[in-house]
Amino acid sequence: MMAVTNGGVVHASSREPLFSFGVIADVQYADIPDGRSFLGVPRYYRHSISVLQRAVNSWNKQQNIKFSINFGDIIDGYCPKDKSLWAVQKVLDEFEKFDGPTYHMFGNHCLYNLPRSKLVSLLKMPTNSDRAYYDFSPCPEYRFVVLDAYDFSALGWPRDHPVTAEAMKFLDEKNPNTDKNSPDGLVGVDRRFVMFNGAVGKEQLLWLNDVLHNASLCGQNVIICSHLPMDPGSASFAALMWNYDEVMAVVHQYKCVKACIAGHDHTGGHSLDSHGVHHRTLEAALECPPGTSAFGHIKVYPDKLLLVGSDKMADTEMCFEL
């Protein structure tokens, strides 16, 4: 499900954007030989960091990229656990070469390797606690919301933590398979009830509502960023956030949200939901053969977003009503 532009063509704009920002998803670096996904898709664990290096070089050369956003999974679950910290730091060192701030979020592979509390610190998340969701405003017209898609999940919390127990109980009710990472036998969007996905918790939902309410009062457009996609049209059913419907019910109460951008589903996708919100799932850096890339930058205008991709990341124009 490749992303497409409106009408199949990205139109050049005569106007200068308000700002631009870099995007990359699912680097999933590991110092191990190439492998394949459970679907047989080749994965290039060592090469993926080269994709990130090319992304940073590209963003720096343009000199007008205000910040970058990493959509999670900076290292892979197959990374040897005694090398997890080293691998995360190696990837972060490459992000540090970008001439601007990078905003990070958790992916499931991050949580296979390190606990949440350690990652919040390593990723320098701009929060006042161990929580991994936050918002920021790069200009008066726009606000970005970064969700923690694994706030309620069986990943990253200590084994004896109440959230772990509650999430496992939830999975047992939704997924009868012994292997909770398997969607076998689940139908339609119920295929999302697997352990490698997660949900936005109740406290975070209340926080999101407050942020969107305030953004509406300020007349701001909002871009929501999440590792997990939140629209069935933009990703495979097995890649969706557990409670994407609850999150979008909050989002659809307001007209300020213009786009939801995600990673996780490596083939990428684009959809426009019934309320006019764009959903763009980004293609993965991990699945780029040597010499190819998947990253991009998004030009932000008052009435549209223009994703300019490289190689495997498709260009996408996302127009919206003011």
C-alpha atoms as a PDB file:
ATOM      1  CA  MET A   1       0.000   0.000   0.000  1.00  0.00           C
ATOM      2  CA  MET A   2       2.246   2.773  -1.273  1.00  0.00           C
ATOM      3  CA  ALA A   3       1.486   6.378  -0.476  1.00  0.00           C
ATOM      4  CA  VAL A   4       0.122   8.444  -3.315  1.00  0.00           C
ATOM      5  CA  THR A   5      -0.235  12.132  -3.846  1.00  0.00           C
ATOM      6  CA  ASN A   6      -3.533  13.875  -4.456  1.00  0.00           C
ATOM      7  CA  GLY A   7      -4.107  13.229  -8.135  1.00  0.00           C
ATOM      8  CA  GLY A   8      -0.795  11.384  -8.329  1.00  0.00           C
ATOM      9  CA  VAL A   9       1.273  14.573  -8.697  1.00  0.00           C
ATOM     10  CA  VAL A  10       3.105  16.673  -6.138  1.00  0.00           C
ATOM     11  CA  HIS A  11       2.613  20.286  -7.155  1.00  0.00           C
ATOM     12  CA  ALA A  12       5.400  22.757  -6.629  1.00  0.00           C
ATOM     13  CA  SER A  13       4.338  25.733  -4.580  1.00  0.00           C
ATOM     14  CA  SER A  14       5.330  29.275  -5.427  1.00  0.00           C
ATOM     15  CA  ARG A  15       5.017  30.155  -1.744  1.00  0.00           C
ATOM     16  CA  GLU A  16       7.712  29.612   0.817  1.00  0.00           C
ATOM     17  CA  PRO A  17       6.741  27.143   3.563  1.00  0.00           C
ATOM     18  CA  LEU A  18       6.323  28.308   7.126  1.00  0.00           C
ATOM     19  CA  PHE A  19       9.021  25.766   8.025  1.00  0.00           C
ATOM     20  CA  SER A  20      10.240  22.292   7.084  1.00  0.00           C
ATOM     21  CA  PHE A  21      11.141  19.263   9.191  1.00  0.00           C
ATOM     22  CA  GLY A  22      12.911  15.953   8.543  1.00  0.00           C
ATOM     23  CA  VAL A  23      11.274  12.539   8.950  1.00  0.00           C
ATOM     24  CA  ILE A  24      12.622   9.010   9.224  1.00  0.00           C
ATOM     25  CA  ALA A  25      11.100   5.808  10.622  1.00  0.00           C
ATOM     26  CA  ASP A  26      12.147   2.309  11.653  1.00  0.00           C
ATOM     27  CA  VAL A  27      15.928   2.466  11.320  1.00  0.00           C
ATOM     28  CA  GLN A  28      16.097  -0.740  13.417  1.00  0.00           C
ATOM     29  CA  TYR A  29      19.883  -0.821  13.337  1.00  0.00           C
ATOM     30  CA  ALA A  30      21.738  -3.881  14.589  1.00  0.00           C
ATOM     31  CA  ASP A  31      25.313  -5.026  14.023  1.00  0.00           C
ATOM     32  CA  ILE A  32      24.172  -8.382  12.613  1.00  0.00           C
ATOM     33  CA  PRO A  33      23.915  -9.945   9.127  1.00  0.00           C
ATOM     34  CA  ASP A  34      20.969  -9.141   6.872  1.00  0.00           C
ATOM     35  CA  GLY A  35      17.778 -11.095   7.526  1.00  0.00           C
ATOM     36  CA  ARG A  36      14.095 -11.225   6.657  1.00  0.00           C
ATOM     37  CA  SER A  37      10.810 -10.275   8.295  1.00  0.00           C
ATOM     38  CA  PHE A  38       8.254 -12.937   9.251  1.00  0.00           C
ATOM     39  CA  LEU A  39       6.702 -12.219   5.836  1.00  0.00           C
ATOM     40  CA  GLY A  40      10.021 -12.838   4.093  1.00  0.00           C
ATOM     41  CA  VAL A  41      10.860  -9.197   3.305  1.00  0.00           C
ATOM     42  CA  PRO A  42      14.655  -8.567   3.294  1.00  0.00           C
ATOM     43  CA  ARG A  43      15.996  -6.472   6.153  1.00  0.00           C
ATOM     44  CA  TYR A  44      19.356  -4.704   6.070  1.00  0.00           C
ATOM     45  CA  TYR A  45      20.321  -4.276   9.711  1.00  0.00           C
ATOM     46  CA  ARG A  46      23.798  -2.832   9.225  1.00  0.00           C
ATOM     47  CA  HIS A  47      22.927  -0.710   6.196  1.00  0.00           C
ATOM     48  CA  SER A  48      20.041   1.083   7.904  1.00  0.00           C
ATOM     49  CA  ILE A  49      22.392   3.412   9.754  1.00  0.00           C
ATOM     50  CA  SER A  50      23.742   4.514   6.353  1.00  0.00           C
ATOM     51  CA  VAL A  51      20.187   5.550   5.451  1.00  0.00           C
ATOM     52  CA  LEU A  52      20.116   7.701   8.589  1.00  0.00           C
ATOM     53  CA  GLN A  53      23.510   9.192   7.727  1.00  0.00           C
ATOM     54  CA  ARG A  54      22.254  10.154   4.263  1.00  0.00           C
ATOM     55  CA  ALA A  55      19.118  11.630   5.838  1.00  0.00           C
ATOM     56  CA  VAL A  56      21.120  13.830   8.213  1.00  0.00           C
ATOM     57  CA  ASN A  57      23.453  14.945   5.416  1.00  0.00           C
ATOM     58  CA  SER A  58      20.482  15.820   3.229  1.00  0.00           C
ATOM     59  CA  TRP A  59      18.722  17.771   5.982  1.00  0.00           C
ATOM     60  CA  ASN A  60      21.906  19.695   6.812  1.00  0.00           C
ATOM     61  CA  LYS A  61      22.626  20.562   3.181  1.00  0.00           C
ATOM     62  CA  GLN A  62      19.211  22.138   2.780  1.00  0.00           C
ATOM     63  CA  GLN A  63      19.912  24.435   5.738  1.00  0.00           C
ATOM     64  CA  ASN A  64      16.202  25.171   6.246  1.00  0.00           C
ATOM     65  CA  ILE A  65      15.128  22.011   8.102  1.00  0.00           C
ATOM     66  CA  LYS A  66      14.054  23.317  11.506  1.00  0.00           C
ATOM     67  CA  PHE A  67      13.983  19.958  13.336  1.00  0.00           C
ATOM     68  CA  SER A  68      13.652  16.257  12.640  1.00  0.00           C
ATOM     69  CA  ILE A  69      11.311  13.583  13.977  1.00  0.00           C
ATOM     70  CA  ASN A  70      12.304   9.960  14.435  1.00  0.00           C
ATOM     71  CA  PHE A  71       9.197   7.766  14.381  1.00  0.00           C
ATOM     72  CA  GLY A  72      10.556   5.001  16.595  1.00  0.00           C
ATOM     73  CA  ASP A  73      12.375   1.661  16.412  1.00  0.00           C
ATOM     74  CA  ILE A  74      15.908   3.026  16.210  1.00  0.00           C
ATOM     75  CA  ILE A  75      17.383  -0.428  16.919  1.00  0.00           C
ATOM     76  CA  ASP A  76      16.090  -3.909  16.180  1.00  0.00           C
ATOM     77  CA  GLY A  77      14.774  -6.608  18.476  1.00  0.00           C
ATOM     78  CA  TYR A  78      17.448  -8.985  17.133  1.00  0.00           C
ATOM     79  CA  CYS A  79      20.174  -6.685  18.432  1.00  0.00           C
ATOM     80  CA  PRO A  80      22.225  -8.695  20.981  1.00  0.00           C
ATOM     81  CA  LYS A  81      21.023  -7.515  24.385  1.00  0.00           C
ATOM     82  CA  ASP A  82      24.556  -6.902  25.648  1.00  0.00           C
ATOM     83  CA  LYS A  83      24.948  -4.441  22.748  1.00  0.00           C
ATOM     84  CA  SER A  84      21.591  -2.663  23.101  1.00  0.00           C
ATOM     85  CA  LEU A  85      22.924   0.414  24.868  1.00  0.00           C
ATOM     86  CA  TRP A  86      25.883   0.650  22.476  1.00  0.00           C
ATOM     87  CA  ALA A  87      23.596   0.338  19.432  1.00  0.00           C
ATOM     88  CA  VAL A  88      21.137   2.980  20.670  1.00  0.00           C
ATOM     89  CA  GLN A  89      24.005   5.373  21.362  1.00  0.00           C
ATOM     90  CA  LYS A  90      25.532   4.687  17.929  1.00  0.00           C
ATOM     91  CA  VAL A  91      22.259   5.692  16.243  1.00  0.00           C
ATOM     92  CA  LEU A  92      21.773   8.708  18.514  1.00  0.00           C
ATOM     93  CA  ASP A  93      25.311   9.866  17.662  1.00  0.00           C
ATOM     94  CA  GLU A  94      24.213  10.069  14.020  1.00  0.00           C
ATOM     95  CA  PHE A  95      21.117  12.094  14.923  1.00  0.00           C
ATOM     96  CA  GLU A  96      23.401  14.430  16.918  1.00  0.00           C
ATOM     97  CA  LYS A  97      25.149  15.365  13.648  1.00  0.00           C
ATOM     98  CA  PHE A  98      21.932  17.052  12.481  1.00  0.00           C
ATOM     99  CA  ASP A  99      22.035  20.838  12.798  1.00  0.00           C
ATOM    100  CA  GLY A 100      18.876  21.038  14.884  1.00  0.00           C
ATOM    101  CA  PRO A 101      16.856  19.163  17.499  1.00  0.00           C
ATOM    102  CA  THR A 102      15.454  15.672  16.912  1.00  0.00           C
ATOM    103  CA  TYR A 103      12.243  14.553  18.588  1.00  0.00           C
ATOM    104  CA  HIS A 104      11.995  10.846  19.389  1.00  0.00           C
ATOM    105  CA  MET A 105       9.273   8.377  20.325  1.00  0.00           C
ATOM    106  CA  PHE A 106       9.172   4.742  21.436  1.00  0.00           C
ATOM    107  CA  GLY A 107       8.727   1.874  19.033  1.00  0.00           C
ATOM    108  CA  ASN A 108       8.200  -1.744  20.016  1.00  0.00           C
ATOM    109  CA  HIS A 109      11.782  -2.669  19.047  1.00  0.00           C
ATOM    110  CA  CYS A 110      13.150   0.033  21.349  1.00  0.00           C
ATOM    111  CA  LEU A 111      11.223  -1.567  24.207  1.00  0.00           C
ATOM    112  CA  TYR A 112      12.484  -5.077  23.347  1.00  0.00           C
ATOM    113  CA  ASN A 113      15.962  -3.780  24.142  1.00  0.00           C
ATOM    114  CA  LEU A 114      15.701  -1.284  26.983  1.00  0.00           C
ATOM    115  CA  PRO A 115      13.202  -0.316  29.690  1.00  0.00           C
ATOM    116  CA  ARG A 116      11.021   2.766  29.273  1.00  0.00           C
ATOM    117  CA  SER A 117      12.697   4.742  32.054  1.00  0.00           C
ATOM    118  CA  LYS A 118      16.131   4.298  30.446  1.00  0.00           C
ATOM    119  CA  LEU A 119      14.854   5.259  26.995  1.00  0.00           C
ATOM    120  CA  VAL A 120      13.156   8.479  28.156  1.00  0.00           C
ATOM    121  CA  SER A 121      16.541   9.649  29.405  1.00  0.00           C
ATOM    122  CA  LEU A 122      18.567   8.428  26.415  1.00  0.00           C
ATOM    123  CA  LEU A 123      16.166   9.948  23.897  1.00  0.00           C
ATOM    124  CA  LYS A 124      16.108  13.244  25.832  1.00  0.00           C
ATOM    125  CA  MET A 125      12.356  13.465  25.673  1.00  0.00           C
ATOM    126  CA  PRO A 126      11.152  16.964  26.687  1.00  0.00           C
ATOM    127  CA  THR A 127       8.966  15.829  29.563  1.00  0.00           C
ATOM    128  CA  ASN A 128       8.968  16.581  33.277  1.00  0.00           C
ATOM    129  CA  SER A 129       8.648  12.926  34.242  1.00  0.00           C
ATOM    130  CA  ASP A 130       9.160   9.409  32.901  1.00  0.00           C
ATOM    131  CA  ARG A 131       6.191   9.789  30.588  1.00  0.00           C
ATOM    132  CA  ALA A 132       6.968   9.522  26.878  1.00  0.00           C
ATOM    133  CA  TYR A 133       4.347  11.798  25.348  1.00  0.00           C
ATOM    134  CA  TYR A 134       4.675  15.532  24.834  1.00  0.00           C
ATOM    135  CA  ASP A 135       3.862  18.443  22.534  1.00  0.00           C
ATOM    136  CA  PHE A 136       5.767  21.380  21.084  1.00  0.00           C
ATOM    137  CA  SER A 137       5.073  24.392  18.877  1.00  0.00           C
ATOM    138  CA  PRO A 138       7.748  25.362  16.316  1.00  0.00           C
ATOM    139  CA  CYS A 139       5.763  28.423  15.201  1.00  0.00           C
ATOM    140  CA  PRO A 140       2.537  30.156  16.282  1.00  0.00           C
ATOM    141  CA  GLU A 141       0.486  28.489  13.534  1.00  0.00           C
ATOM    142  CA  TYR A 142       1.353  24.857  14.315  1.00  0.00           C
ATOM    143  CA  ARG A 143       1.529  22.431  17.231  1.00  0.00           C
ATOM    144  CA  PHE A 144       3.006  18.925  17.182  1.00  0.00           C
ATOM    145  CA  VAL A 145       1.769  16.154  19.452  1.00  0.00           C
ATOM    146  CA  VAL A 146       4.028  13.131  20.037  1.00  0.00           C
ATOM    147  CA  LEU A 147       2.085  10.179  21.418  1.00  0.00           C
ATOM    148  CA  ASP A 148       3.344   7.242  23.449  1.00  0.00           C
ATOM    149  CA  ALA A 149       1.707   4.364  21.569  1.00  0.00           C
ATOM    150  CA  TYR A 150       2.957   1.868  24.196  1.00  0.00           C
ATOM    151  CA  ASP A 151       1.637   3.696  27.255  1.00  0.00           C
ATOM    152  CA  PHE A 152      -0.672   0.699  27.764  1.00  0.00           C
ATOM    153  CA  SER A 153       1.194  -2.372  26.547  1.00  0.00           C
ATOM    154  CA  ALA A 154       2.974  -5.525  27.559  1.00  0.00           C
ATOM    155  CA  LEU A 155       6.319  -4.036  26.460  1.00  0.00           C
ATOM    156  CA  GLY A 156       8.779  -1.876  28.370  1.00  0.00           C
ATOM    157  CA  TRP A 157       7.200  -2.063  31.801  1.00  0.00           C
ATOM    158  CA  PRO A 158       8.692  -4.370  34.465  1.00  0.00           C
ATOM    159  CA  ARG A 159       7.199  -7.878  34.397  1.00  0.00           C
ATOM    160  CA  ASP A 160       5.572  -7.358  37.784  1.00  0.00           C
ATOM    161  CA  HIS A 161       4.171  -3.917  36.883  1.00  0.00           C
ATOM    162  CA  PRO A 162       0.356  -3.545  37.012  1.00  0.00           C
ATOM    163  CA  VAL A 163       0.285  -2.231  33.421  1.00  0.00           C
ATOM    164  CA  THR A 164       2.036  -5.404  32.188  1.00  0.00           C
ATOM    165  CA  ALA A 165      -0.502  -7.626  33.951  1.00  0.00           C
ATOM    166  CA  GLU A 166      -3.457  -5.581  32.710  1.00  0.00           C
ATOM    167  CA  ALA A 167      -2.154  -5.524  29.137  1.00  0.00           C
ATOM    168  CA  MET A 168      -1.579  -9.291  29.111  1.00  0.00           C
ATOM    169  CA  LYS A 169      -5.106  -9.834  30.420  1.00  0.00           C
ATOM    170  CA  PHE A 170      -6.413  -7.555  27.646  1.00  0.00           C
ATOM    171  CA  LEU A 171      -4.458  -9.531  25.016  1.00  0.00           C
ATOM    172  CA  ASP A 172      -5.709 -12.856  26.368  1.00  0.00           C
ATOM    173  CA  GLU A 173      -9.279 -11.606  25.928  1.00  0.00           C
ATOM    174  CA  LYS A 174      -8.673 -10.297  22.394  1.00  0.00           C
ATOM    175  CA  ASN A 175      -6.214 -12.837  20.974  1.00  0.00           C
ATOM    176  CA  PRO A 176      -6.683 -16.596  21.587  1.00  0.00           C
ATOM    177  CA  ASN A 177      -3.309 -17.542  20.065  1.00  0.00           C
ATOM    178  CA  THR A 178      -0.589 -18.947  22.295  1.00  0.00           C
ATOM    179  CA  ASP A 179       1.837 -16.664  20.484  1.00  0.00           C
ATOM    180  CA  LYS A 180       0.478 -13.194  21.238  1.00  0.00           C
ATOM    181  CA  ASN A 181       2.547 -11.758  18.380  1.00  0.00           C
ATOM    182  CA  SER A 182       0.483 -13.806  15.929  1.00  0.00           C
ATOM    183  CA  PRO A 183      -2.717 -12.381  14.388  1.00  0.00           C
ATOM    184  CA  ASP A 184      -3.667 -15.804  12.924  1.00  0.00           C
ATOM    185  CA  GLY A 185      -7.421 -16.329  13.037  1.00  0.00           C
ATOM    186  CA  LEU A 186      -8.152 -12.695  13.865  1.00  0.00           C
ATOM    187  CA  VAL A 187     -10.327 -10.952  11.290  1.00  0.00           C
ATOM    188  CA  GLY A 188     -10.186  -7.399   9.913  1.00  0.00           C
ATOM    189  CA  VAL A 189      -9.056  -4.671  12.300  1.00  0.00           C
ATOM    190  CA  ASP A 190      -9.062  -7.214  15.163  1.00  0.00           C
ATOM    191  CA  ARG A 191      -5.691  -8.317  13.732  1.00  0.00           C
ATOM    192  CA  ARG A 192      -4.211  -5.347  15.610  1.00  0.00           C
ATOM    193  CA  PHE A 193      -4.517  -7.181  18.937  1.00  0.00           C
ATOM    194  CA  VAL A 194      -0.955  -8.492  19.015  1.00  0.00           C
ATOM    195  CA  MET A 195       1.833  -7.925  21.516  1.00  0.00           C
ATOM    196  CA  PHE A 196       3.993  -5.810  19.193  1.00  0.00           C
ATOM    197  CA  ASN A 197       1.281  -3.117  19.253  1.00  0.00           C
ATOM    198  CA  GLY A 198      -0.035  -1.076  22.170  1.00  0.00           C
ATOM    199  CA  ALA A 199      -2.423   1.679  23.195  1.00  0.00           C
ATOM    200  CA  VAL A 200      -2.691   5.228  24.476  1.00  0.00           C
ATOM    201  CA  GLY A 201      -3.668   5.101  28.152  1.00  0.00           C
ATOM    202  CA  LYS A 202      -6.547   6.935  29.838  1.00  0.00           C
ATOM    203  CA  GLU A 203      -4.387   9.667  31.389  1.00  0.00           C
ATOM    204  CA  GLN A 204      -2.715  10.324  28.032  1.00  0.00           C
ATOM    205  CA  LEU A 205      -6.126  10.518  26.326  1.00  0.00           C
ATOM    206  CA  LEU A 206      -7.188  13.238  28.797  1.00  0.00           C
ATOM    207  CA  TRP A 207      -3.921  15.053  28.178  1.00  0.00           C
ATOM    208  CA  LEU A 208      -4.452  14.822  24.400  1.00  0.00           C
ATOM    209  CA  ASN A 209      -7.925  16.300  24.746  1.00  0.00           C
ATOM    210  CA  ASP A 210      -6.516  19.238  26.735  1.00  0.00           C
ATOM    211  CA  VAL A 211      -3.764  19.878  24.173  1.00  0.00           C
ATOM    212  CA  LEU A 212      -6.216  19.820  21.255  1.00  0.00           C
ATOM    213  CA  HIS A 213      -8.639  22.070  23.134  1.00  0.00           C
ATOM    214  CA  ASN A 214      -5.885  24.613  23.768  1.00  0.00           C
ATOM    215  CA  ALA A 215      -4.624  24.375  20.178  1.00  0.00           C
ATOM    216  CA  SER A 216      -8.150  25.080  18.942  1.00  0.00           C
ATOM    217  CA  LEU A 217      -8.420  28.150  21.172  1.00  0.00           C
ATOM    218  CA  CYS A 218      -5.073  29.374  19.795  1.00  0.00           C
ATOM    219  CA  GLY A 219      -6.115  28.766  16.184  1.00  0.00           C
ATOM    220  CA  GLN A 220      -3.281  26.275  15.645  1.00  0.00           C
ATOM    221  CA  ASN A 221      -3.091  23.424  13.168  1.00  0.00           C
ATOM    222  CA  VAL A 222      -1.994  20.164  14.808  1.00  0.00           C
ATOM    223  CA  ILE A 223       0.146  17.304  13.499  1.00  0.00           C
ATOM    224  CA  ILE A 224      -0.015  14.117  15.584  1.00  0.00           C
ATOM    225  CA  CYS A 225       3.016  11.814  15.542  1.00  0.00           C
ATOM    226  CA  SER A 226       2.848   8.194  16.705  1.00  0.00           C
ATOM    227  CA  HIS A 227       4.846   5.037  16.101  1.00  0.00           C
ATOM    228  CA  LEU A 228       1.580   3.173  15.499  1.00  0.00           C
ATOM    229  CA  PRO A 229      -0.815   4.127  12.669  1.00  0.00           C
ATOM    230  CA  MET A 230      -4.358   5.157  13.589  1.00  0.00           C
ATOM    231  CA  ASP A 231      -6.380   4.657  10.413  1.00  0.00           C
ATOM    232  CA  PRO A 232      -7.132   1.303   8.716  1.00  0.00           C
ATOM    233  CA  GLY A 233      -6.708   2.928   5.307  1.00  0.00           C
ATOM    234  CA  SER A 234      -3.104   3.915   5.929  1.00  0.00           C
ATOM    235  CA  ALA A 235      -1.625   0.639   7.175  1.00  0.00           C
ATOM    236  CA  SER A 236      -2.150  -3.097   7.432  1.00  0.00           C
ATOM    237  CA  PHE A 237      -4.713  -4.057  10.070  1.00  0.00           C
ATOM    238  CA  ALA A 238      -2.049  -5.897  12.096  1.00  0.00           C
ATOM    239  CA  ALA A 239      -0.044  -2.668  12.507  1.00  0.00           C
ATOM    240  CA  LEU A 240      -2.763  -0.463  14.009  1.00  0.00           C
ATOM    241  CA  MET A 241      -2.802   0.973  17.517  1.00  0.00           C
ATOM    242  CA  TRP A 242      -5.032  -1.109  19.828  1.00  0.00           C
ATOM    243  CA  ASN A 243      -7.301   1.837  20.660  1.00  0.00           C
ATOM    244  CA  TYR A 244      -6.893   3.923  17.524  1.00  0.00           C
ATOM    245  CA  ASP A 245     -10.678   4.350  17.511  1.00  0.00           C
ATOM    246  CA  GLU A 246     -10.656   5.937  20.985  1.00  0.00           C
ATOM    247  CA  VAL A 247      -7.823   8.281  20.062  1.00  0.00           C
ATOM    248  CA  MET A 248      -9.489   9.326  16.811  1.00  0.00           C
ATOM    249  CA  ALA A 249     -12.785   9.902  18.654  1.00  0.00           C
ATOM    250  CA  VAL A 250     -10.934  12.551  20.691  1.00  0.00           C
ATOM    251  CA  VAL A 251      -9.210  13.938  17.575  1.00  0.00           C
ATOM    252  CA  HIS A 252     -12.459  14.210  15.625  1.00  0.00           C
ATOM    253  CA  GLN A 253     -14.012  16.413  18.307  1.00  0.00           C
ATOM    254  CA  TYR A 254     -11.749  19.175  17.018  1.00  0.00           C
ATOM    255  CA  LYS A 255     -11.031  20.578  13.580  1.00  0.00           C
ATOM    256  CA  CYS A 256      -7.437  21.509  14.379  1.00  0.00           C
ATOM    257  CA  VAL A 257      -5.785  18.140  13.618  1.00  0.00           C
ATOM    258  CA  LYS A 258      -4.688  18.088   9.983  1.00  0.00           C
ATOM    259  CA  ALA A 259      -2.488  14.996   9.829  1.00  0.00           C
ATOM    260  CA  CYS A 260      -1.452  11.902  11.798  1.00  0.00           C
ATOM    261  CA  ILE A 261       1.992  10.593  10.847  1.00  0.00           C
ATOM    262  CA  ALA A 262       3.282   7.160  11.902  1.00  0.00           C
ATOM    263  CA  GLY A 263       5.875   4.453  11.296  1.00  0.00           C
ATOM    264  CA  HIS A 264       5.769   0.736  12.206  1.00  0.00           C
ATOM    265  CA  ASP A 265       4.135  -0.580   9.000  1.00  0.00           C
ATOM    266  CA  HIS A 266       7.237  -0.700   6.830  1.00  0.00           C
ATOM    267  CA  THR A 267       5.585  -0.509   3.400  1.00  0.00           C
ATOM    268  CA  GLY A 268       4.025   2.879   4.153  1.00  0.00           C
ATOM    269  CA  GLY A 269       0.597   4.227   3.258  1.00  0.00           C
ATOM    270  CA  HIS A 270      -1.642   7.276   2.960  1.00  0.00           C
ATOM    271  CA  SER A 271      -5.347   7.806   3.605  1.00  0.00           C
ATOM    272  CA  LEU A 272      -7.824  10.602   4.202  1.00  0.00           C
ATOM    273  CA  ASP A 273     -10.377   9.786   6.887  1.00  0.00           C
ATOM    274  CA  SER A 274     -14.063  10.742   7.024  1.00  0.00           C
ATOM    275  CA  HIS A 275     -13.261  13.945   8.953  1.00  0.00           C
ATOM    276  CA  GLY A 276     -10.635  15.160   6.485  1.00  0.00           C
ATOM    277  CA  VAL A 277      -7.594  14.142   8.555  1.00  0.00           C
ATOM    278  CA  HIS A 278      -4.642  12.820   6.555  1.00  0.00           C
ATOM    279  CA  HIS A 279      -2.910   9.655   7.786  1.00  0.00           C
ATOM    280  CA  ARG A 280       0.595   9.028   6.452  1.00  0.00           C
ATOM    281  CA  THR A 281       2.536   5.914   7.439  1.00  0.00           C
ATOM    282  CA  LEU A 282       6.221   6.281   6.580  1.00  0.00           C
ATOM    283  CA  GLU A 283       8.288   3.696   4.698  1.00  0.00           C
ATOM    284  CA  ALA A 284      11.021   2.029   6.777  1.00  0.00           C
ATOM    285  CA  ALA A 285      14.746   2.765   6.577  1.00  0.00           C
ATOM    286  CA  LEU A 286      15.424  -0.863   7.568  1.00  0.00           C
ATOM    287  CA  GLU A 287      14.134  -2.368   4.321  1.00  0.00           C
ATOM    288  CA  CYS A 288      16.256  -0.279   1.951  1.00  0.00           C
ATOM    289  CA  PRO A 289      18.809  -2.328  -0.031  1.00  0.00           C
ATOM    290  CA  PRO A 290      22.346  -0.884   0.064  1.00  0.00           C
ATOM    291  CA  GLY A 291      22.522   2.268  -2.044  1.00  0.00           C
ATOM    292  CA  THR A 292      18.853   3.154  -1.489  1.00  0.00           C
ATOM    293  CA  SER A 293      17.109   5.198   1.179  1.00  0.00           C
ATOM    294  CA  ALA A 294      13.791   5.991   2.841  1.00  0.00           C
ATOM    295  CA  PHE A 295      13.633   9.380   4.531  1.00  0.00           C
ATOM    296  CA  GLY A 296      12.233  12.759   3.688  1.00  0.00           C
ATOM    297  CA  HIS A 297      11.328  16.241   4.776  1.00  0.00           C
ATOM    298  CA  ILE A 298       7.932  17.861   5.086  1.00  0.00           C
ATOM    299  CA  LYS A 299       7.306  21.418   3.934  1.00  0.00           C
ATOM    300  CA  VAL A 300       4.619  22.979   6.102  1.00  0.00           C
ATOM    301  CA  TYR A 301       2.214  25.559   4.668  1.00  0.00           C
ATOM    302  CA  PRO A 302      -0.898  27.144   6.192  1.00  0.00           C
ATOM    303  CA  ASP A 303      -3.148  24.910   4.055  1.00  0.00           C
ATOM    304  CA  LYS A 304      -1.100  21.790   3.284  1.00  0.00           C
ATOM    305  CA  LEU A 305       1.843  19.538   4.075  1.00  0.00           C
ATOM    306  CA  LEU A 306       4.210  18.482   1.298  1.00  0.00           C
ATOM    307  CA  LEU A 307       6.304  15.385   1.995  1.00  0.00           C
ATOM    308  CA  VAL A 308       9.349  15.255  -0.268  1.00  0.00           C
ATOM    309  CA  GLY A 309      10.690  11.717  -0.048  1.00  0.00           C
ATOM    310  CA  SER A 310      13.862   9.978  -1.157  1.00  0.00           C
ATOM    311  CA  ASP A 311      13.970   6.674  -3.071  1.00  0.00           C
ATOM    312  CA  LYS A 312      11.533   4.365  -1.268  1.00  0.00           C
ATOM    313  CA  MET A 313       9.690   7.107   0.615  1.00  0.00           C
ATOM    314  CA  ALA A 314       6.897   8.374  -1.628  1.00  0.00           C
ATOM    315  CA  ASP A 315       6.198  12.056  -2.146  1.00  0.00           C
ATOM    316  CA  THR A 316       2.849  13.038  -0.696  1.00  0.00           C
ATOM    317  CA  GLU A 317       0.802  16.212  -0.856  1.00  0.00           C
ATOM    318  CA  MET A 318      -1.684  16.589   1.991  1.00  0.00           C
ATOM    319  CA  CYS A 319      -4.083  19.492   1.422  1.00  0.00           C
ATOM    320  CA  PHE A 320      -6.650  20.526   4.002  1.00  0.00           C
ATOM    321  CA  GLU A 321      -9.337  23.106   4.647  1.00  0.00           C
ATOM    322  CA  LEU A 322      -8.604  25.988   6.947  1.00  0.00           C
END
